[in-house]
Structure formats: structure tokens, C-alpha cells
């Protein structure tokens, strides 16, 4: 494996240590999860390598900022220059009381959520 490139030493990538996460929470569960979620931040430094070259990279510790889908922080012109502002992760938080509840209520909502993301190229 090649020597790791450390983006923390690069002033352009050092600022890119925040990962945007958008969540959909129709059941109002995020408030119960939020404290534990942020208690695990930042995500530790990780190393990954390109399979084609073997060149390794060290990712800086990442802080994940979770905001609901549709938050004003994600409202910017849909131009290629803004690609990095899009959430990198989308989470659909659900409560499911039974298999019947899943089939009747949750599954159609999750499928619609996934279809919406796919149609937007997210």
C-alpha cells in the first residue's frame, strides 16, 4: 500500500471535515436519537485506498451535521458548483409497531423516499 496522503495538512481539504446528513422523521423519533448520535461525533480518522492505484488517503475526523430534509441550510441554487453542499447521507427514521404496520404504512413510505432520492440523482 502506498504512503497515505493526509488531507488534514492540506488547507483546502482540512475545512471539509463536516459531513451533511439529511433525515426524514415522520414519526418524531429524531429527538430521542439526537443526543446519542452527536455524542459519537466526531467520527474518527479513517484510511482508505483506491483499488486501482493502491494510493492510500487519511480522512480527517468527520463531524456529521444532521438536519431535516427540506431545511433552509440545503436551499441553494442547483448548480454544479454547489454539489458539495448536498447531504452525503440520507436517513429515513421510522417506528414500526408490527409486520402489518410495516407493510401498510412504512414500506410504501420508504419506497417513495427511495424513489424520490433516485429521481433527483441523490
PDB file of N, CA and C in Angstrom:
ATOM      1  N   UNK A   1       0.849  -1.182   0.000  1.00  0.00           N
ATOM      2  CA  UNK A   1       0.000   0.000   0.000  1.00  0.00           C
ATOM      3  C   UNK A   1       0.888   1.236   0.000  1.00  0.00           C
ATOM      4  N   UNK A   2       0.542   2.207  -0.785  1.00  0.00           N
ATOM      5  CA  UNK A   2       1.312   3.442  -0.883  1.00  0.00           C
ATOM      6  C   UNK A   2       1.175   4.263   0.389  1.00  0.00           C
ATOM      7  N   UNK A   3       2.096   5.200   0.555  1.00  0.00           N
ATOM      8  CA  UNK A   3       2.039   6.087   1.726  1.00  0.00           C
ATOM      9  C   UNK A   3       0.752   6.888   1.690  1.00  0.00           C
ATOM     10  N   UNK A   4       0.168   7.091   2.858  1.00  0.00           N
ATOM     11  CA  UNK A   4      -1.114   7.782   2.957  1.00  0.00           C
ATOM     12  C   UNK A   4      -0.941   9.279   2.755  1.00  0.00           C
ATOM     13  N   UNK A   5      -1.880   9.853   2.019  1.00  0.00           N
ATOM     14  CA  UNK A   5      -1.961  11.304   1.850  1.00  0.00           C
ATOM     15  C   UNK A   5      -2.845  11.829   2.966  1.00  0.00           C
ATOM     16  N   UNK A   6      -2.374  12.796   3.724  1.00  0.00           N
ATOM     17  CA  UNK A   6      -3.122  13.319   4.870  1.00  0.00           C
ATOM     18  C   UNK A   6      -3.766  14.649   4.507  1.00  0.00           C
ATOM     19  N   UNK A   7      -5.081  14.677   4.217  1.00  0.00           N
ATOM     20  CA  UNK A   7      -5.722  15.928   3.831  1.00  0.00           C
ATOM     21  C   UNK A   7      -5.788  16.943   4.961  1.00  0.00           C
ATOM     22  N   UNK A   8      -5.521  16.518   6.200  1.00  0.00           N
ATOM     23  CA  UNK A   8      -5.522  17.499   7.300  1.00  0.00           C
ATOM     24  C   UNK A   8      -4.409  18.514   7.101  1.00  0.00           C
ATOM     25  N   UNK A   9      -3.367  18.137   6.382  1.00  0.00           N
ATOM     26  CA  UNK A   9      -2.271  19.057   6.128  1.00  0.00           C
ATOM     27  C   UNK A   9      -2.543  19.957   4.938  1.00  0.00           C
ATOM     28  N   UNK A  10      -3.568  19.692   4.188  1.00  0.00           N
ATOM     29  CA  UNK A  10      -3.938  20.476   3.017  1.00  0.00           C
ATOM     30  C   UNK A  10      -5.010  21.490   3.426  1.00  0.00           C
ATOM     31  N   UNK A  11      -4.713  22.793   3.323  1.00  0.00           N
ATOM     32  CA  UNK A  11      -5.682  23.782   3.801  1.00  0.00           C
ATOM     33  C   UNK A  11      -7.011  23.753   3.055  1.00  0.00           C
ATOM     34  N   UNK A  12      -7.041  23.266   1.825  1.00  0.00           N
ATOM     35  CA  UNK A  12      -8.293  23.208   1.087  1.00  0.00           C
ATOM     36  C   UNK A  12      -9.182  22.069   1.560  1.00  0.00           C
ATOM     37  N   UNK A  13      -8.594  20.928   1.889  1.00  0.00           N
ATOM     38  CA  UNK A  13      -9.410  19.808   2.319  1.00  0.00           C
ATOM     39  C   UNK A  13      -9.581  19.758   3.829  1.00  0.00           C
ATOM     40  N   UNK A  14      -8.757  20.451   4.577  1.00  0.00           N
ATOM     41  CA  UNK A  14      -8.878  20.432   6.036  1.00  0.00           C
ATOM     42  C   UNK A  14     -10.221  21.002   6.485  1.00  0.00           C
ATOM     43  N   UNK A  15     -10.766  21.939   5.711  1.00  0.00           N
ATOM     44  CA  UNK A  15     -12.052  22.532   6.068  1.00  0.00           C
ATOM     45  C   UNK A  15     -13.214  21.604   5.738  1.00  0.00           C
ATOM     46  N   UNK A  16     -12.975  20.604   4.951  1.00  0.00           N
ATOM     47  CA  UNK A  16     -14.035  19.703   4.521  1.00  0.00           C
ATOM     48  C   UNK A  16     -14.210  18.557   5.508  1.00  0.00           C
ATOM     49  N   UNK A  17     -14.273  18.874   6.795  1.00  0.00           N
ATOM     50  CA  UNK A  17     -14.365  17.826   7.807  1.00  0.00           C
ATOM     51  C   UNK A  17     -15.770  17.712   8.388  1.00  0.00           C
ATOM     52  N   UNK A  18     -16.748  18.236   7.673  1.00  0.00           N
ATOM     53  CA  UNK A  18     -18.137  18.121   8.096  1.00  0.00           C
ATOM     54  C   UNK A  18     -18.910  17.384   7.020  1.00  0.00           C
ATOM     55  N   UNK A  19     -19.660  16.400   7.442  1.00  0.00           N
ATOM     56  CA  UNK A  19     -20.453  15.580   6.537  1.00  0.00           C
ATOM     57  C   UNK A  19     -21.923  15.922   6.747  1.00  0.00           C
ATOM     58  N   UNK A  20     -22.603  16.295   5.670  1.00  0.00           N
ATOM     59  CA  UNK A  20     -24.024  16.653   5.767  1.00  0.00           C
ATOM     60  C   UNK A  20     -24.884  15.394   5.707  1.00  0.00           C
ATOM     61  N   UNK A  21     -25.815  15.291   6.623  1.00  0.00           N
ATOM     62  CA  UNK A  21     -26.770  14.185   6.670  1.00  0.00           C
ATOM     63  C   UNK A  21     -28.161  14.793   6.704  1.00  0.00           C
ATOM     64  N   UNK A  22     -29.027  14.334   5.829  1.00  0.00           N
ATOM     65  CA  UNK A  22     -30.424  14.788   5.819  1.00  0.00           C
ATOM     66  C   UNK A  22     -31.287  13.641   6.319  1.00  0.00           C
ATOM     67  N   UNK A  23     -32.185  13.943   7.230  1.00  0.00           N
ATOM     68  CA  UNK A  23     -33.047  12.876   7.737  1.00  0.00           C
ATOM     69  C   UNK A  23     -34.513  13.219   7.523  1.00  0.00           C
ATOM     70  N   UNK A  24     -35.295  12.171   7.334  1.00  0.00           N
ATOM     71  CA  UNK A  24     -36.743  12.264   7.265  1.00  0.00           C
ATOM     72  C   UNK A  24     -37.270  11.536   8.479  1.00  0.00           C
ATOM     73  N   UNK A  25     -38.093  12.198   9.267  1.00  0.00           N
ATOM     74  CA  UNK A  25     -38.562  11.645  10.540  1.00  0.00           C
ATOM     75  C   UNK A  25     -40.047  11.941  10.708  1.00  0.00           C
ATOM     76  N   UNK A  26     -40.877  11.165  10.057  1.00  0.00           N
ATOM     77  CA  UNK A  26     -42.327  11.391  10.118  1.00  0.00           C
ATOM     78  C   UNK A  26     -42.927  10.988  11.463  1.00  0.00           C
ATOM     79  N   UNK A  27     -42.218  10.139  12.208  1.00  0.00           N
ATOM     80  CA  UNK A  27     -42.744   9.669  13.490  1.00  0.00           C
ATOM     81  C   UNK A  27     -42.217  10.447  14.693  1.00  0.00           C
ATOM     82  N   UNK A  28     -41.392  11.471  14.467  1.00  0.00           N
ATOM     83  CA  UNK A  28     -40.895  12.297  15.563  1.00  0.00           C
ATOM     84  C   UNK A  28     -39.915  11.592  16.496  1.00  0.00           C
ATOM     85  N   UNK A  29     -39.070  10.736  15.958  1.00  0.00           N
ATOM     86  CA  UNK A  29     -38.124   9.973  16.771  1.00  0.00           C
ATOM     87  C   UNK A  29     -36.749  10.615  16.887  1.00  0.00           C
ATOM     88  N   UNK A  30     -36.423  11.551  15.993  1.00  0.00           N
ATOM     89  CA  UNK A  30     -35.073  12.105  15.974  1.00  0.00           C
ATOM     90  C   UNK A  30     -34.679  12.706  17.325  1.00  0.00           C
ATOM     91  N   UNK A  31     -35.602  13.338  18.001  1.00  0.00           N
ATOM     92  CA  UNK A  31     -35.297  13.930  19.305  1.00  0.00           C
ATOM     93  C   UNK A  31     -34.781  12.907  20.307  1.00  0.00           C
ATOM     94  N   UNK A  32     -35.246  11.663  20.215  1.00  0.00           N
ATOM     95  CA  UNK A  32     -34.778  10.618  21.120  1.00  0.00           C
ATOM     96  C   UNK A  32     -33.393  10.099  20.711  1.00  0.00           C
ATOM     97  N   UNK A  33     -33.034  10.230  19.447  1.00  0.00           N
ATOM     98  CA  UNK A  33     -31.766   9.707  18.939  1.00  0.00           C
ATOM     99  C   UNK A  33     -30.649  10.743  18.909  1.00  0.00           C
ATOM    100  N   UNK A  34     -31.016  11.989  18.860  1.00  0.00           N
ATOM    101  CA  UNK A  34     -30.068  13.067  18.580  1.00  0.00           C
ATOM    102  C   UNK A  34     -28.904  13.141  19.561  1.00  0.00           C
ATOM    103  N   UNK A  35     -29.170  13.090  20.847  1.00  0.00           N
ATOM    104  CA  UNK A  35     -28.098  13.235  21.843  1.00  0.00           C
ATOM    105  C   UNK A  35     -27.059  12.126  21.709  1.00  0.00           C
ATOM    106  N   UNK A  36     -27.519  10.905  21.551  1.00  0.00           N
ATOM    107  CA  UNK A  36     -26.586   9.782  21.391  1.00  0.00           C
ATOM    108  C   UNK A  36     -25.824   9.892  20.065  1.00  0.00           C
ATOM    109  N   UNK A  37     -26.507  10.319  19.021  1.00  0.00           N
ATOM    110  CA  UNK A  37     -25.880  10.489  17.711  1.00  0.00           C
ATOM    111  C   UNK A  37     -24.726  11.483  17.798  1.00  0.00           C
ATOM    112  N   UNK A  38     -25.003  12.660  18.342  1.00  0.00           N
ATOM    113  CA  UNK A  38     -23.955  13.678  18.430  1.00  0.00           C
ATOM    114  C   UNK A  38     -22.904  13.337  19.483  1.00  0.00           C
ATOM    115  N   UNK A  39     -23.241  12.493  20.437  1.00  0.00           N
ATOM    116  CA  UNK A  39     -22.254  12.041  21.422  1.00  0.00           C
ATOM    117  C   UNK A  39     -21.170  11.179  20.806  1.00  0.00           C
ATOM    118  N   UNK A  40     -21.445  10.608  19.636  1.00  0.00           N
ATOM    119  CA  UNK A  40     -20.468   9.763  18.941  1.00  0.00           C
ATOM    120  C   UNK A  40     -19.616  10.567  17.956  1.00  0.00           C
ATOM    121  N   UNK A  41     -19.768  11.872  17.932  1.00  0.00           N
ATOM    122  CA  UNK A  41     -19.026  12.714  16.999  1.00  0.00           C
ATOM    123  C   UNK A  41     -17.776  13.254  17.664  1.00  0.00           C
ATOM    124  N   UNK A  42     -16.727  13.547  16.936  1.00  0.00           N
ATOM    125  CA  UNK A  42     -16.604  13.320  15.504  1.00  0.00           C
ATOM    126  C   UNK A  42     -16.295  11.857  15.203  1.00  0.00           C
ATOM    127  N   UNK A  43     -16.585  11.465  13.969  1.00  0.00           N
ATOM    128  CA  UNK A  43     -16.192  10.133  13.529  1.00  0.00           C
ATOM    129  C   UNK A  43     -14.667  10.107  13.469  1.00  0.00           C
ATOM    130  N   UNK A  44     -14.034   9.028  13.891  1.00  0.00           N
ATOM    131  CA  UNK A  44     -12.566   9.008  13.945  1.00  0.00           C
ATOM    132  C   UNK A  44     -11.935   9.044  12.560  1.00  0.00           C
ATOM    133  N   UNK A  45     -10.659   9.399  12.556  1.00  0.00           N
ATOM    134  CA  UNK A  45      -9.906   9.390  11.295  1.00  0.00           C
ATOM    135  C   UNK A  45      -9.944   7.996  10.698  1.00  0.00           C
ATOM    136  N   UNK A  46     -10.083   7.941   9.410  1.00  0.00           N
ATOM    137  CA  UNK A  46     -10.130   6.657   8.717  1.00  0.00           C
ATOM    138  C   UNK A  46      -9.177   6.702   7.529  1.00  0.00           C
ATOM    139  N   UNK A  47      -8.720   5.547   7.113  1.00  0.00           N
ATOM    140  CA  UNK A  47      -7.840   5.456   5.959  1.00  0.00           C
ATOM    141  C   UNK A  47      -8.508   4.586   4.902  1.00  0.00           C
ATOM    142  N   UNK A  48      -8.418   4.998   3.660  1.00  0.00           N
ATOM    143  CA  UNK A  48      -8.948   4.203   2.565  1.00  0.00           C
ATOM    144  C   UNK A  48      -7.986   4.299   1.398  1.00  0.00           C
ATOM    145  N   UNK A  49      -8.055   3.306   0.517  1.00  0.00           N
ATOM    146  CA  UNK A  49      -7.152   3.262  -0.631  1.00  0.00           C
ATOM    147  C   UNK A  49      -7.954   3.080  -1.910  1.00  0.00           C
ATOM    148  N   UNK A  50      -7.460   3.679  -2.984  1.00  0.00           N
ATOM    149  CA  UNK A  50      -8.059   3.494  -4.293  1.00  0.00           C
ATOM    150  C   UNK A  50      -7.704   2.097  -4.787  1.00  0.00           C
ATOM    151  N   UNK A  51      -8.691   1.296  -5.148  1.00  0.00           N
ATOM    152  CA  UNK A  51      -8.393  -0.061  -5.621  1.00  0.00           C
ATOM    153  C   UNK A  51      -7.520  -0.067  -6.874  1.00  0.00           C
ATOM    154  N   UNK A  52      -7.666   0.951  -7.722  1.00  0.00           N
ATOM    155  CA  UNK A  52      -6.936   0.964  -8.990  1.00  0.00           C
ATOM    156  C   UNK A  52      -5.451   1.282  -8.826  1.00  0.00           C
ATOM    157  N   UNK A  53      -5.117   2.114  -7.842  1.00  0.00           N
ATOM    158  CA  UNK A  53      -3.718   2.526  -7.698  1.00  0.00           C
ATOM    159  C   UNK A  53      -3.090   2.079  -6.383  1.00  0.00           C
ATOM    160  N   UNK A  54      -3.917   1.780  -5.402  1.00  0.00           N
ATOM    161  CA  UNK A  54      -3.381   1.425  -4.093  1.00  0.00           C
ATOM    162  C   UNK A  54      -2.982   2.638  -3.269  1.00  0.00           C
ATOM    163  N   UNK A  55      -3.132   3.840  -3.819  1.00  0.00           N
ATOM    164  CA  UNK A  55      -2.774   5.051  -3.075  1.00  0.00           C
ATOM    165  C   UNK A  55      -3.730   5.205  -1.908  1.00  0.00           C
ATOM    166  N   UNK A  56      -3.164   5.372  -0.731  1.00  0.00           N
ATOM    167  CA  UNK A  56      -3.975   5.474   0.485  1.00  0.00           C
ATOM    168  C   UNK A  56      -4.197   6.935   0.853  1.00  0.00           C
ATOM    169  N   UNK A  57      -5.347   7.187   1.450  1.00  0.00           N
ATOM    170  CA  UNK A  57      -5.711   8.522   1.915  1.00  0.00           C
ATOM    171  C   UNK A  57      -6.156   8.417   3.369  1.00  0.00           C
ATOM    172  N   UNK A  58      -5.824   9.429   4.137  1.00  0.00           N
ATOM    173  CA  UNK A  58      -6.292   9.513   5.511  1.00  0.00           C
ATOM    174  C   UNK A  58      -7.376  10.577   5.548  1.00  0.00           C
ATOM    175  N   UNK A  59      -8.549  10.181   5.991  1.00  0.00           N
ATOM    176  CA  UNK A  59      -9.641  11.137   6.120  1.00  0.00           C
ATOM    177  C   UNK A  59      -9.555  11.796   7.488  1.00  0.00           C
ATOM    178  N   UNK A  60      -9.804  13.087   7.560  1.00  0.00           N
ATOM    179  CA  UNK A  60      -9.787  13.754   8.864  1.00  0.00           C
ATOM    180  C   UNK A  60     -10.969  13.289   9.699  1.00  0.00           C
ATOM    181  N   UNK A  61     -10.903  13.505  11.011  1.00  0.00           N
ATOM    182  CA  UNK A  61     -12.104  13.213  11.814  1.00  0.00           C
ATOM    183  C   UNK A  61     -13.278  14.005  11.235  1.00  0.00           C
ATOM    184  N   UNK A  62     -14.411  13.340  11.085  1.00  0.00           N
ATOM    185  CA  UNK A  62     -15.569  13.969  10.460  1.00  0.00           C
ATOM    186  C   UNK A  62     -16.667  14.213  11.484  1.00  0.00           C
ATOM    187  N   UNK A  63     -17.199  15.401  11.478  1.00  0.00           N
ATOM    188  CA  UNK A  63     -18.376  15.717  12.268  1.00  0.00           C
ATOM    189  C   UNK A  63     -19.571  15.657  11.332  1.00  0.00           C
ATOM    190  N   UNK A  64     -20.575  14.914  11.716  1.00  0.00           N
ATOM    191  CA  UNK A  64     -21.780  14.802  10.911  1.00  0.00           C
ATOM    192  C   UNK A  64     -22.795  15.809  11.432  1.00  0.00           C
ATOM    193  N   UNK A  65     -23.316  16.615  10.539  1.00  0.00           N
ATOM    194  CA  UNK A  65     -24.352  17.578  10.884  1.00  0.00           C
ATOM    195  C   UNK A  65     -25.656  17.060  10.288  1.00  0.00           C
ATOM    196  N   UNK A  66     -26.592  16.736  11.157  1.00  0.00           N
ATOM    197  CA  UNK A  66     -27.875  16.176  10.724  1.00  0.00           C
ATOM    198  C   UNK A  66     -28.947  17.252  10.757  1.00  0.00           C
ATOM    199  N   UNK A  67     -29.595  17.441   9.626  1.00  0.00           N
ATOM    200  CA  UNK A  67     -30.689  18.408   9.507  1.00  0.00           C
ATOM    201  C   UNK A  67     -31.853  17.728   8.786  1.00  0.00           C
ATOM    202  N   UNK A  68     -33.061  18.129   9.082  1.00  0.00           N
ATOM    203  CA  UNK A  68     -34.195  17.508   8.390  1.00  0.00           C
ATOM    204  C   UNK A  68     -34.184  17.833   6.900  1.00  0.00           C
ATOM    205  N   UNK A  69     -34.695  16.900   6.121  1.00  0.00           N
ATOM    206  CA  UNK A  69     -34.851  17.139   4.683  1.00  0.00           C
ATOM    207  C   UNK A  69     -35.684  18.400   4.519  1.00  0.00           C
ATOM    208  N   UNK A  70     -35.276  19.253   3.613  1.00  0.00           N
ATOM    209  CA  UNK A  70     -36.001  20.497   3.378  1.00  0.00           C
ATOM    210  C   UNK A  70     -35.542  21.646   4.243  1.00  0.00           C
ATOM    211  N   UNK A  71     -34.542  21.431   5.100  1.00  0.00           N
ATOM    212  CA  UNK A  71     -34.035  22.510   5.938  1.00  0.00           C
ATOM    213  C   UNK A  71     -33.482  23.632   5.057  1.00  0.00           C
ATOM    214  N   UNK A  72     -33.631  24.861   5.517  1.00  0.00           N
ATOM    215  CA  UNK A  72     -33.168  26.024   4.749  1.00  0.00           C
ATOM    216  C   UNK A  72     -31.668  25.976   4.470  1.00  0.00           C
ATOM    217  N   UNK A  73     -30.896  25.255   5.283  1.00  0.00           N
ATOM    218  CA  UNK A  73     -29.452  25.144   5.055  1.00  0.00           C
ATOM    219  C   UNK A  73     -29.135  24.446   3.739  1.00  0.00           C
ATOM    220  N   UNK A  74     -30.081  23.669   3.224  1.00  0.00           N
ATOM    221  CA  UNK A  74     -29.876  22.976   1.953  1.00  0.00           C
ATOM    222  C   UNK A  74     -30.463  23.753   0.781  1.00  0.00           C
ATOM    223  N   UNK A  75     -30.959  24.961   1.022  1.00  0.00           N
ATOM    224  CA  UNK A  75     -31.586  25.763  -0.031  1.00  0.00           C
ATOM    225  C   UNK A  75     -30.535  26.640  -0.705  1.00  0.00           C
ATOM    226  N   UNK A  76     -30.067  26.198  -1.854  1.00  0.00           N
ATOM    227  CA  UNK A  76     -29.095  26.949  -2.639  1.00  0.00           C
ATOM    228  C   UNK A  76     -29.345  26.608  -4.105  1.00  0.00           C
ATOM    229  N   UNK A  77     -28.885  27.422  -5.013  1.00  0.00           N
ATOM    230  CA  UNK A  77     -29.139  27.161  -6.439  1.00  0.00           C
ATOM    231  C   UNK A  77     -28.613  25.784  -6.846  1.00  0.00           C
ATOM    232  N   UNK A  78     -29.376  25.044  -7.632  1.00  0.00           N
ATOM    233  CA  UNK A  78     -28.956  23.702  -8.050  1.00  0.00           C
ATOM    234  C   UNK A  78     -27.911  23.751  -9.167  1.00  0.00           C
ATOM    235  N   UNK A  79     -26.749  24.273  -8.836  1.00  0.00           N
ATOM    236  CA  UNK A  79     -25.662  24.390  -9.811  1.00  0.00           C
ATOM    237  C   UNK A  79     -24.551  23.397  -9.456  1.00  0.00           C
ATOM    238  N   UNK A  80     -23.791  22.953 -10.448  1.00  0.00           N
ATOM    239  CA  UNK A  80     -22.702  22.015 -10.159  1.00  0.00           C
ATOM    240  C   UNK A  80     -21.708  22.524  -9.112  1.00  0.00           C
ATOM    241  N   UNK A  81     -21.539  23.821  -9.041  1.00  0.00           N
ATOM    242  CA  UNK A  81     -20.594  24.381  -8.069  1.00  0.00           C
ATOM    243  C   UNK A  81     -21.050  24.129  -6.627  1.00  0.00           C
ATOM    244  N   UNK A  82     -22.311  23.782  -6.450  1.00  0.00           N
ATOM    245  CA  UNK A  82     -22.862  23.544  -5.110  1.00  0.00           C
ATOM    246  C   UNK A  82     -22.951  22.060  -4.743  1.00  0.00           C
ATOM    247  N   UNK A  83     -22.364  21.157  -5.533  1.00  0.00           N
ATOM    248  CA  UNK A  83     -22.521  19.720  -5.288  1.00  0.00           C
ATOM    249  C   UNK A  83     -22.114  19.325  -3.881  1.00  0.00           C
ATOM    250  N   UNK A  84     -21.070  19.943  -3.356  1.00  0.00           N
ATOM    251  CA  UNK A  84     -20.557  19.557  -2.038  1.00  0.00           C
ATOM    252  C   UNK A  84     -21.499  19.962  -0.904  1.00  0.00           C
ATOM    253  N   UNK A  85     -22.435  20.832  -1.172  1.00  0.00           N
ATOM    254  CA  UNK A  85     -23.378  21.262  -0.135  1.00  0.00           C
ATOM    255  C   UNK A  85     -24.523  20.276   0.060  1.00  0.00           C
ATOM    256  N   UNK A  86     -24.715  19.406  -0.921  1.00  0.00           N
ATOM    257  CA  UNK A  86     -25.775  18.399  -0.819  1.00  0.00           C
ATOM    258  C   UNK A  86     -25.457  17.434   0.319  1.00  0.00           C
ATOM    259  N   UNK A  87     -26.474  16.922   0.976  1.00  0.00           N
ATOM    260  CA  UNK A  87     -26.226  15.900   2.001  1.00  0.00           C
ATOM    261  C   UNK A  87     -25.599  14.663   1.361  1.00  0.00           C
ATOM    262  N   UNK A  88     -24.601  14.111   2.027  1.00  0.00           N
ATOM    263  CA  UNK A  88     -23.943  12.901   1.540  1.00  0.00           C
ATOM    264  C   UNK A  88     -24.699  11.651   1.979  1.00  0.00           C
ATOM    265  N   UNK A  89     -25.479  11.789   3.015  1.00  0.00           N
ATOM    266  CA  UNK A  89     -26.194  10.658   3.591  1.00  0.00           C
ATOM    267  C   UNK A  89     -27.649  11.080   3.810  1.00  0.00           C
ATOM    268  N   UNK A  90     -28.569  10.184   3.478  1.00  0.00           N
ATOM    269  CA  UNK A  90     -29.993  10.397   3.729  1.00  0.00           C
ATOM    270  C   UNK A  90     -30.473   9.259   4.619  1.00  0.00           C
ATOM    271  N   UNK A  91     -31.163   9.610   5.689  1.00  0.00           N
ATOM    272  CA  UNK A  91     -31.656   8.620   6.646  1.00  0.00           C
ATOM    273  C   UNK A  91     -33.162   8.799   6.789  1.00  0.00           C
ATOM    274  N   UNK A  92     -33.864   7.683   6.772  1.00  0.00           N
ATOM    275  CA  UNK A  92     -35.305   7.699   6.969  1.00  0.00           C
ATOM    276  C   UNK A  92     -35.567   7.019   8.307  1.00  0.00           C
ATOM    277  N   UNK A  93     -35.998   7.774   9.289  1.00  0.00           N
ATOM    278  CA  UNK A  93     -36.226   7.259  10.641  1.00  0.00           C
ATOM    279  C   UNK A  93     -37.693   6.853  10.759  1.00  0.00           C
ATOM    280  N   UNK A  94     -37.927   5.610  11.175  1.00  0.00           N
ATOM    281  CA  UNK A  94     -39.297   5.122  11.290  1.00  0.00           C
ATOM    282  C   UNK A  94     -39.506   4.360  12.591  1.00  0.00           C
ATOM    283  N   UNK A  95     -40.747   4.305  12.979  1.00  0.00           N
ATOM    284  CA  UNK A  95     -41.197   3.446  14.080  1.00  0.00           C
ATOM    285  C   UNK A  95     -42.165   2.453  13.454  1.00  0.00           C
ATOM    286  N   UNK A  96     -41.959   1.197  13.771  1.00  0.00           N
ATOM    287  CA  UNK A  96     -42.793   0.156  13.191  1.00  0.00           C
ATOM    288  C   UNK A  96     -43.340  -0.703  14.325  1.00  0.00           C
ATOM    289  N   UNK A  97     -44.652  -0.739  14.466  1.00  0.00           N
ATOM    290  CA  UNK A  97     -45.295  -1.452  15.570  1.00  0.00           C
ATOM    291  C   UNK A  97     -45.488  -2.936  15.295  1.00  0.00           C
ATOM    292  N   UNK A  98     -45.631  -3.299  14.019  1.00  0.00           N
ATOM    293  CA  UNK A  98     -45.891  -4.700  13.680  1.00  0.00           C
ATOM    294  C   UNK A  98     -45.548  -4.928  12.216  1.00  0.00           C
ATOM    295  N   UNK A  99     -45.550  -6.179  11.806  1.00  0.00           N
ATOM    296  CA  UNK A  99     -45.315  -6.502  10.406  1.00  0.00           C
ATOM    297  C   UNK A  99     -46.418  -5.890   9.546  1.00  0.00           C
ATOM    298  N   UNK A 100     -47.637  -5.923  10.027  1.00  0.00           N
ATOM    299  CA  UNK A 100     -48.748  -5.328   9.283  1.00  0.00           C
ATOM    300  C   UNK A 100     -48.557  -3.816   9.141  1.00  0.00           C
ATOM    301  N   UNK A 101     -48.121  -3.163  10.219  1.00  0.00           N
ATOM    302  CA  UNK A 101     -47.837  -1.727  10.183  1.00  0.00           C
ATOM    303  C   UNK A 101     -46.737  -1.436   9.163  1.00  0.00           C
ATOM    304  N   UNK A 102     -45.721  -2.289   9.145  1.00  0.00           N
ATOM    305  CA  UNK A 102     -44.639  -2.128   8.169  1.00  0.00           C
ATOM    306  C   UNK A 102     -45.189  -2.222   6.745  1.00  0.00           C
ATOM    307  N   UNK A 103     -45.951  -3.254   6.475  1.00  0.00           N
ATOM    308  CA  UNK A 103     -46.479  -3.456   5.117  1.00  0.00           C
ATOM    309  C   UNK A 103     -47.442  -2.346   4.691  1.00  0.00           C
ATOM    310  N   UNK A 104     -48.276  -1.910   5.603  1.00  0.00           N
ATOM    311  CA  UNK A 104     -49.328  -0.947   5.296  1.00  0.00           C
ATOM    312  C   UNK A 104     -48.813   0.484   5.224  1.00  0.00           C
ATOM    313  N   UNK A 105     -47.964   0.869   6.186  1.00  0.00           N
ATOM    314  CA  UNK A 105     -47.581   2.276   6.332  1.00  0.00           C
ATOM    315  C   UNK A 105     -46.122   2.555   6.011  1.00  0.00           C
ATOM    316  N   UNK A 106     -45.218   1.764   6.547  1.00  0.00           N
ATOM    317  CA  UNK A 106     -43.794   2.075   6.466  1.00  0.00           C
ATOM    318  C   UNK A 106     -43.200   1.743   5.101  1.00  0.00           C
ATOM    319  N   UNK A 107     -43.441   0.547   4.600  1.00  0.00           N
ATOM    320  CA  UNK A 107     -42.829   0.137   3.333  1.00  0.00           C
ATOM    321  C   UNK A 107     -43.177   1.082   2.188  1.00  0.00           C
ATOM    322  N   UNK A 108     -44.455   1.453   1.993  1.00  0.00           N
ATOM    323  CA  UNK A 108     -44.752   2.395   0.902  1.00  0.00           C
ATOM    324  C   UNK A 108     -44.042   3.747   1.075  1.00  0.00           C
ATOM    325  N   UNK A 109     -43.945   4.213   2.308  1.00  0.00           N
ATOM    326  CA  UNK A 109     -43.282   5.497   2.555  1.00  0.00           C
ATOM    327  C   UNK A 109     -41.783   5.414   2.266  1.00  0.00           C
ATOM    328  N   UNK A 110     -41.154   4.316   2.669  1.00  0.00           N
ATOM    329  CA  UNK A 110     -39.714   4.151   2.418  1.00  0.00           C
ATOM    330  C   UNK A 110     -39.460   3.992   0.921  1.00  0.00           C
ATOM    331  N   UNK A 111     -40.300   3.245   0.226  1.00  0.00           N
ATOM    332  CA  UNK A 111     -40.145   3.102  -1.221  1.00  0.00           C
ATOM    333  C   UNK A 111     -40.305   4.443  -1.931  1.00  0.00           C
ATOM    334  N   UNK A 112     -41.257   5.248  -1.510  1.00  0.00           N
ATOM    335  CA  UNK A 112     -41.443   6.585  -2.099  1.00  0.00           C
ATOM    336  C   UNK A 112     -40.233   7.466  -1.818  1.00  0.00           C
ATOM    337  N   UNK A 113     -39.696   7.378  -0.607  1.00  0.00           N
ATOM    338  CA  UNK A 113     -38.492   8.123  -0.221  1.00  0.00           C
ATOM    339  C   UNK A 113     -37.325   7.726  -1.123  1.00  0.00           C
ATOM    340  N   UNK A 114     -37.101   6.424  -1.302  1.00  0.00           N
ATOM    341  CA  UNK A 114     -36.003   5.932  -2.140  1.00  0.00           C
ATOM    342  C   UNK A 114     -36.209   6.346  -3.598  1.00  0.00           C
ATOM    343  N   UNK A 115     -37.438   6.268  -4.081  1.00  0.00           N
ATOM    344  CA  UNK A 115     -37.723   6.676  -5.459  1.00  0.00           C
ATOM    345  C   UNK A 115     -37.445   8.170  -5.644  1.00  0.00           C
ATOM    346  N   UNK A 116     -37.835   8.984  -4.679  1.00  0.00           N
ATOM    347  CA  UNK A 116     -37.597  10.425  -4.749  1.00  0.00           C
ATOM    348  C   UNK A 116     -36.103  10.717  -4.817  1.00  0.00           C
ATOM    349  N   UNK A 117     -35.321  10.047  -3.974  1.00  0.00           N
ATOM    350  CA  UNK A 117     -33.862  10.254  -3.997  1.00  0.00           C
ATOM    351  C   UNK A 117     -33.273   9.838  -5.342  1.00  0.00           C
ATOM    352  N   UNK A 118     -33.721   8.693  -5.843  1.00  0.00           N
ATOM    353  CA  UNK A 118     -33.205   8.195  -7.129  1.00  0.00           C
ATOM    354  C   UNK A 118     -33.543   9.141  -8.270  1.00  0.00           C
ATOM    355  N   UNK A 119     -34.749   9.666  -8.258  1.00  0.00           N
ATOM    356  CA  UNK A 119     -35.171  10.547  -9.355  1.00  0.00           C
ATOM    357  C   UNK A 119     -34.417  11.877  -9.332  1.00  0.00           C
ATOM    358  N   UNK A 120     -33.943  12.282  -8.159  1.00  0.00           N
ATOM    359  CA  UNK A 120     -33.163  13.529  -8.044  1.00  0.00           C
ATOM    360  C   UNK A 120     -31.681  13.281  -8.243  1.00  0.00           C
ATOM    361  N   UNK A 121     -31.284  12.024  -8.358  1.00  0.00           N
ATOM    362  CA  UNK A 121     -29.871  11.713  -8.508  1.00  0.00           C
ATOM    363  C   UNK A 121     -29.105  11.817  -7.216  1.00  0.00           C
ATOM    364  N   UNK A 122     -29.796  11.789  -6.094  1.00  0.00           N
ATOM    365  CA  UNK A 122     -29.129  11.907  -4.794  1.00  0.00           C
ATOM    366  C   UNK A 122     -28.577  10.573  -4.348  1.00  0.00           C
TER     367      UNK A 122
END
